[in-house]
Amino acid sequence: MAHQYRSTGEKVFDMFNYAFLAVFGLVAILPFIFVISGSFATDAEITKRAVFLIPTTFSLDAYKFIFSTDTIVRSIGVSIYVTVVGTIVNLFFTVTMAYPMARRNLMGRNTILNLVIFTMLFGGGMIPTYLVIRELHLLDTLNSLILPGAISAFNLIIVKNFFQELPPGLEEAAKIDGCNELGLLWRIVLPLSKPVLATFTLFYAVGHWNNFFSALLYINDPIKWPLQVMLRQIVMLSQSAGDISSMDPSFVQPPEQSIKMAVIVVGTIPILCVYPFLQKHFAKGVLLGSIKG
């Protein structure tokens, strides 16, 4: 391959781009480094130093306070269960509804699509949703965090569009070989849909992991609290402990500021570990399903 000639202006422009992106990336990652460092620092250092990347005094007090009981471990288990089961439920219903909706000859297809789009614009609201969940006897169950959002209308439309872009010749060839609709979906469509499935696996998983408000509304039993709600309780406990220490000098004050940063780390790191495995499919999956309507 012949070497492509690049002018001086192009080289300068590329150097400027690299420098700009490097500075932008550094500015974006510095707050995360500060939060992680602050979680290992003392409250005195956080108060004294506005920004630092390496703590002067290394301390595990914040993490000792967070993991002082088995409640945080239990809540992590609850969040993992809701995230894994909820994501599987989301993908199952999204795929099984998007696949027939991708057939243009489906009877009533446009009406169903209009109803799906309607749900994106209008919703019943918090109180009607709560009443429905109560009447279905889902209160204080983990199913209340999974079933109400079993399908995302936006994700459904993107997956439907992706299925529509698959070559129709594949379907015809599979049917000639004696493949039925279920076999066509399982053996042909899903293997070709790995980018879009990986993308929405990440979308659904992050949504379940970060779900906070639904648990506050529907879960009253502390044993069933997911991680996000439990971390909120820990932050509130650390703040109230400050009032106790002001009245009782013998009470050991937990590190309030570093606890807040440790809570961010504990709540963020697990879901960040999923990104490297799905990142290569992320942009490709969204773009593939957003070309045609």
Protein backbone atom coordinates (compact mmCIF):
# COMPACT_ATOMS: atom_id res chain seq x y z
CA MET A 1 0.00 0.00 0.00
CA ALA A 2 1.45 3.34 -1.05
CA HIS A 3 2.17 5.85 1.67
CA GLN A 4 -0.48 8.56 1.62
CA TYR A 5 0.93 12.06 1.51
CA ARG A 6 -0.19 14.30 4.33
CA SER A 7 0.35 18.02 4.28
CA THR A 8 1.84 20.01 7.14
CA GLY A 9 -1.55 21.48 7.92
CA GLU A 10 -3.07 18.01 8.27
CA LYS A 11 -0.28 16.91 10.60
CA VAL A 12 -0.70 20.02 12.75
CA PHE A 13 -4.46 19.48 12.83
CA ASP A 14 -4.00 15.85 13.94
CA MET A 15 -1.56 16.87 16.65
CA PHE A 16 -4.03 19.48 17.90
CA ASN A 17 -6.79 16.86 17.95
CA TYR A 18 -4.66 14.38 19.87
CA ALA A 19 -3.64 17.02 22.38
CA PHE A 20 -7.21 18.23 22.84
CA LEU A 21 -8.59 14.71 23.29
CA ALA A 22 -5.80 13.85 25.73
CA VAL A 23 -6.57 16.92 27.85
CA PHE A 24 -10.31 16.27 27.62
CA GLY A 25 -9.84 12.64 28.67
CA LEU A 26 -7.64 13.69 31.58
CA VAL A 27 -10.20 16.25 32.76
CA ALA A 28 -12.95 13.60 32.52
CA ILE A 29 -11.07 10.96 34.51
CA LEU A 30 -9.65 13.20 37.24
CA PRO A 31 -12.94 13.43 39.21
CA PHE A 32 -13.14 9.64 39.34
CA ILE A 33 -9.58 9.40 40.60
CA PHE A 34 -10.34 12.04 43.23
CA VAL A 35 -13.42 10.15 44.43
CA ILE A 36 -11.47 6.89 44.71
CA SER A 37 -8.62 8.63 46.53
CA GLY A 38 -11.05 10.45 48.81
CA SER A 39 -12.64 7.17 49.82
CA PHE A 40 -9.26 6.09 51.23
CA ALA A 41 -8.52 9.45 52.91
CA THR A 42 -9.49 10.87 56.28
CA ASP A 43 -12.20 13.48 56.72
CA ALA A 44 -9.62 15.99 57.92
CA GLU A 45 -7.64 15.68 54.70
CA ILE A 46 -10.75 15.96 52.52
CA THR A 47 -11.76 19.11 54.37
CA LYS A 48 -8.27 20.62 54.23
CA ARG A 49 -7.38 19.77 50.61
CA ALA A 50 -9.88 20.73 47.94
CA VAL A 51 -8.49 18.36 45.31
CA PHE A 52 -5.91 15.59 45.57
CA LEU A 53 -5.10 12.42 43.66
CA ILE A 54 -3.13 10.54 46.32
CA PRO A 55 -4.16 10.71 50.00
CA THR A 56 -1.49 11.66 52.48
CA THR A 57 -2.91 9.34 55.14
CA PHE A 58 -4.24 6.04 53.81
CA SER A 59 -7.36 4.97 55.71
CA LEU A 60 -9.88 2.15 55.35
CA ASP A 61 -12.28 3.56 57.92
CA ALA A 62 -14.96 4.38 55.36
CA TYR A 63 -14.98 0.87 53.93
CA LYS A 64 -14.84 -0.68 57.41
CA PHE A 65 -17.94 1.33 58.33
CA ILE A 66 -19.77 0.32 55.13
CA PHE A 67 -18.92 -3.39 55.51
CA SER A 68 -19.23 -3.45 59.30
CA THR A 69 -22.31 -5.69 58.97
CA ASP A 70 -23.47 -8.24 56.44
CA THR A 71 -26.32 -5.98 55.29
CA ILE A 72 -24.23 -4.41 52.51
CA VAL A 73 -23.20 -7.85 51.22
CA ARG A 74 -26.84 -8.95 51.25
CA SER A 75 -27.91 -5.83 49.38
CA ILE A 76 -25.22 -6.45 46.75
CA GLY A 77 -26.67 -9.94 46.30
CA VAL A 78 -30.14 -8.45 45.89
CA SER A 79 -28.87 -5.99 43.28
CA ILE A 80 -27.05 -8.73 41.39
CA TYR A 81 -30.18 -10.88 41.38
CA VAL A 82 -32.42 -8.03 40.19
CA THR A 83 -29.88 -7.00 37.55
CA VAL A 84 -29.30 -10.49 36.13
CA VAL A 85 -32.90 -11.73 36.26
CA GLY A 86 -34.31 -8.35 35.22
CA THR A 87 -31.97 -8.10 32.22
CA ILE A 88 -32.88 -11.64 31.10
CA VAL A 89 -36.60 -10.80 31.40
CA ASN A 90 -36.09 -7.54 29.49
CA LEU A 91 -34.21 -9.19 26.65
CA PHE A 92 -36.69 -12.08 26.40
CA PHE A 93 -39.77 -9.88 26.10
CA THR A 94 -38.04 -7.28 23.92
CA VAL A 95 -36.81 -9.87 21.42
CA THR A 96 -40.02 -11.90 21.34
CA MET A 97 -42.07 -8.77 20.69
CA ALA A 98 -39.63 -7.06 18.30
CA TYR A 99 -39.27 -10.13 16.07
CA PRO A 100 -42.92 -10.37 14.96
CA MET A 101 -43.18 -6.56 14.84
CA ALA A 102 -40.39 -6.58 12.26
CA ARG A 103 -42.69 -8.43 9.85
CA ARG A 104 -44.35 -5.86 7.63
CA ASN A 105 -47.19 -8.24 6.75
CA LEU A 106 -48.20 -8.74 10.40
CA MET A 107 -51.89 -8.00 10.91
CA GLY A 108 -52.41 -4.95 13.15
CA ARG A 109 -48.70 -4.12 13.15
CA ASN A 110 -49.14 -0.35 12.74
CA THR A 111 -51.76 -0.20 15.48
CA ILE A 112 -49.51 -2.03 17.93
CA LEU A 113 -46.56 0.19 17.00
CA ASN A 114 -48.65 3.30 17.60
CA LEU A 115 -49.65 1.99 21.02
CA VAL A 116 -45.98 1.33 21.85
CA ILE A 117 -45.03 4.86 20.79
CA PHE A 118 -47.95 6.23 22.82
CA THR A 119 -46.41 4.77 25.99
CA MET A 120 -43.21 6.74 25.26
CA LEU A 121 -45.16 10.02 25.31
CA PHE A 122 -47.75 9.40 28.02
CA GLY A 123 -47.61 7.41 31.26
CA GLY A 124 -50.02 6.69 34.07
CA GLY A 125 -47.80 8.29 36.68
CA MET A 126 -46.44 7.19 40.01
CA ILE A 127 -49.70 6.70 41.96
CA PRO A 128 -51.57 4.62 39.33
CA THR A 129 -48.46 2.47 38.87
CA TYR A 130 -48.24 1.93 42.63
CA LEU A 131 -51.92 0.95 42.78
CA VAL A 132 -51.46 -1.56 39.95
CA ILE A 133 -48.44 -3.12 41.65
CA ARG A 134 -50.36 -3.30 44.93
CA GLU A 135 -53.35 -4.98 43.30
CA LEU A 136 -51.04 -7.52 41.68
CA HIS A 137 -49.61 -8.31 45.15
CA LEU A 138 -46.10 -7.34 44.08
CA LEU A 139 -45.36 -5.00 46.99
CA ASP A 140 -42.37 -6.07 49.08
CA THR A 141 -41.25 -8.51 46.40
CA LEU A 142 -38.28 -8.28 44.07
CA ASN A 143 -40.63 -8.82 41.15
CA SER A 144 -41.85 -5.26 41.67
CA LEU A 145 -38.38 -4.12 40.53
CA ILE A 146 -38.39 -6.37 37.45
CA LEU A 147 -41.85 -6.85 35.94
CA PRO A 148 -43.17 -3.24 35.65
CA GLY A 149 -40.32 -2.35 33.28
CA ALA A 150 -40.13 -5.66 31.43
CA ILE A 151 -40.06 -3.88 28.05
CA SER A 152 -38.62 -0.50 27.12
CA ALA A 153 -40.53 1.01 24.21
CA PHE A 154 -37.47 2.81 22.86
CA ASN A 155 -35.29 -0.31 23.02
CA LEU A 156 -38.07 -2.35 21.43
CA ILE A 157 -38.23 -0.05 18.41
CA ILE A 158 -34.45 -0.10 17.93
CA VAL A 159 -34.33 -3.91 18.08
CA LYS A 160 -37.29 -4.11 15.68
CA ASN A 161 -35.49 -1.87 13.22
CA PHE A 162 -32.41 -4.06 13.47
CA PHE A 163 -34.42 -7.19 12.71
CA GLN A 164 -35.97 -5.45 9.69
CA GLU A 165 -32.50 -4.81 8.22
CA LEU A 166 -31.55 -8.48 8.15
CA PRO A 167 -31.47 -9.86 4.58
CA PRO A 168 -34.82 -11.51 3.71
CA GLY A 169 -32.92 -14.17 1.78
CA LEU A 170 -31.76 -15.69 5.07
CA GLU A 171 -35.35 -16.31 6.11
CA GLU A 172 -36.24 -17.85 2.78
CA ALA A 173 -33.21 -20.14 2.81
CA ALA A 174 -33.93 -21.25 6.38
CA LYS A 175 -37.56 -22.06 5.54
CA ILE A 176 -36.48 -24.08 2.51
CA ASP A 177 -34.29 -26.11 4.87
CA GLY A 178 -37.36 -26.80 7.01
CA CYS A 179 -36.74 -24.24 9.78
CA ASN A 180 -39.84 -22.95 11.57
CA GLU A 181 -40.27 -19.45 13.02
CA LEU A 182 -38.83 -20.35 16.43
CA GLY A 183 -35.84 -22.06 14.84
CA LEU A 184 -35.35 -19.07 12.53
CA LEU A 185 -35.26 -16.74 15.50
CA TRP A 186 -32.96 -18.94 17.58
CA ARG A 187 -30.56 -20.19 14.90
CA ILE A 188 -30.42 -17.34 12.41
CA VAL A 189 -31.65 -14.03 13.82
CA LEU A 190 -30.19 -14.07 17.34
CA PRO A 191 -26.64 -15.08 16.29
CA LEU A 192 -26.65 -12.21 13.79
CA SER A 193 -27.98 -9.82 16.44
CA LYS A 194 -25.10 -10.02 18.93
CA PRO A 195 -24.14 -6.31 18.61
CA VAL A 196 -27.63 -4.98 19.32
CA LEU A 197 -28.30 -7.59 22.03
CA ALA A 198 -25.02 -6.75 23.77
CA THR A 199 -25.86 -3.06 23.62
CA PHE A 200 -29.27 -3.41 25.19
CA THR A 201 -28.01 -5.94 27.70
CA LEU A 202 -25.79 -3.13 28.92
CA PHE A 203 -28.66 -0.60 28.85
CA TYR A 204 -30.99 -2.85 30.81
CA ALA A 205 -28.31 -3.99 33.28
CA VAL A 206 -27.23 -0.43 34.12
CA GLY A 207 -30.86 0.59 34.55
CA HIS A 208 -31.55 -2.23 37.00
CA TRP A 209 -28.31 -1.70 38.90
CA ASN A 210 -28.97 2.01 39.36
CA ASN A 211 -32.68 1.59 40.10
CA PHE A 212 -33.30 3.49 43.31
CA PHE A 213 -36.70 5.13 43.33
CA SER A 214 -38.72 1.98 42.58
CA ALA A 215 -37.21 0.20 45.57
CA LEU A 216 -38.10 3.14 47.82
CA LEU A 217 -41.72 2.95 46.65
CA TYR A 218 -42.34 -0.77 46.59
CA ILE A 219 -39.91 -2.39 49.07
CA ASN A 220 -40.44 -1.88 52.80
CA ASP A 221 -38.49 -4.89 54.07
CA PRO A 222 -34.82 -3.86 54.65
CA ILE A 223 -33.70 -7.40 53.88
CA LYS A 224 -34.88 -6.91 50.28
CA TRP A 225 -33.31 -3.49 49.76
CA PRO A 226 -30.97 -3.33 46.75
CA LEU A 227 -27.52 -1.79 46.99
CA GLN A 228 -28.50 1.75 45.99
CA VAL A 229 -31.11 2.05 48.76
CA MET A 230 -28.76 0.51 51.33
CA LEU A 231 -26.00 2.96 50.39
CA ARG A 232 -28.45 5.81 50.86
CA GLN A 233 -29.22 4.52 54.34
CA ILE A 234 -25.51 4.33 55.14
CA VAL A 235 -24.98 7.95 54.09
CA MET A 236 -27.95 9.05 56.20
CA LEU A 237 -26.62 7.03 59.14
CA SER A 238 -23.20 8.63 58.88
CA GLN A 239 -24.79 12.09 58.87
CA SER A 240 -26.96 11.36 61.90
CA ALA A 241 -23.94 9.96 63.68
CA GLY A 242 -22.47 13.45 63.63
CA ASP A 243 -25.32 14.70 65.80
CA ILE A 244 -24.78 11.83 68.22
CA SER A 245 -21.07 12.51 68.54
CA SER A 246 -21.75 16.16 69.36
CA MET A 247 -23.88 15.04 72.32
CA ASP A 248 -21.75 12.05 73.36
CA PRO A 249 -17.96 12.69 73.25
CA SER A 250 -17.26 8.96 73.71
CA PHE A 251 -19.06 8.12 70.47
CA VAL A 252 -16.65 7.41 67.59
CA GLN A 253 -17.62 9.58 64.63
CA PRO A 254 -17.47 7.71 61.32
CA PRO A 255 -15.74 9.55 58.45
CA GLU A 256 -18.72 11.21 56.83
CA GLN A 257 -17.09 12.70 53.72
CA SER A 258 -14.98 9.67 52.87
CA ILE A 259 -18.05 7.44 53.41
CA LYS A 260 -19.90 9.36 50.70
CA MET A 261 -17.02 8.80 48.30
CA ALA A 262 -16.69 5.14 49.29
CA VAL A 263 -20.42 4.73 48.64
CA ILE A 264 -19.91 6.09 45.11
CA VAL A 265 -17.06 3.63 44.54
CA VAL A 266 -19.01 0.64 45.89
CA GLY A 267 -22.07 1.53 43.82
CA THR A 268 -20.16 2.23 40.59
CA ILE A 269 -17.25 -0.21 40.31
CA PRO A 270 -19.31 -3.44 39.92
CA ILE A 271 -21.29 -2.21 36.93
CA LEU A 272 -18.18 -0.62 35.39
CA CYS A 273 -16.62 -4.08 35.28
CA VAL A 274 -19.28 -5.07 32.73
CA TYR A 275 -18.38 -2.35 30.21
CA PRO A 276 -15.11 -3.86 28.85
CA PHE A 277 -16.94 -7.01 27.78
CA LEU A 278 -19.71 -5.18 25.87
CA GLN A 279 -18.06 -1.93 24.85
CA LYS A 280 -16.97 -3.09 21.36
CA HIS A 281 -20.62 -3.81 20.47
CA PHE A 282 -22.02 -0.66 22.10
CA ALA A 283 -21.92 1.99 19.35
CA LYS A 284 -22.32 -0.54 16.53
CA GLY A 285 -25.48 -2.02 18.01
CA VAL A 286 -27.23 1.32 18.42
CA LEU A 287 -26.32 2.57 14.94
CA LEU A 288 -27.36 -0.66 13.22
CA GLY A 289 -30.86 -0.42 14.62
CA SER A 290 -31.39 3.27 13.98
CA ILE A 291 -31.08 3.49 10.19
CA LYS A 292 -34.58 2.52 9.06
CA GLY A 293 -38.00 3.07 10.61
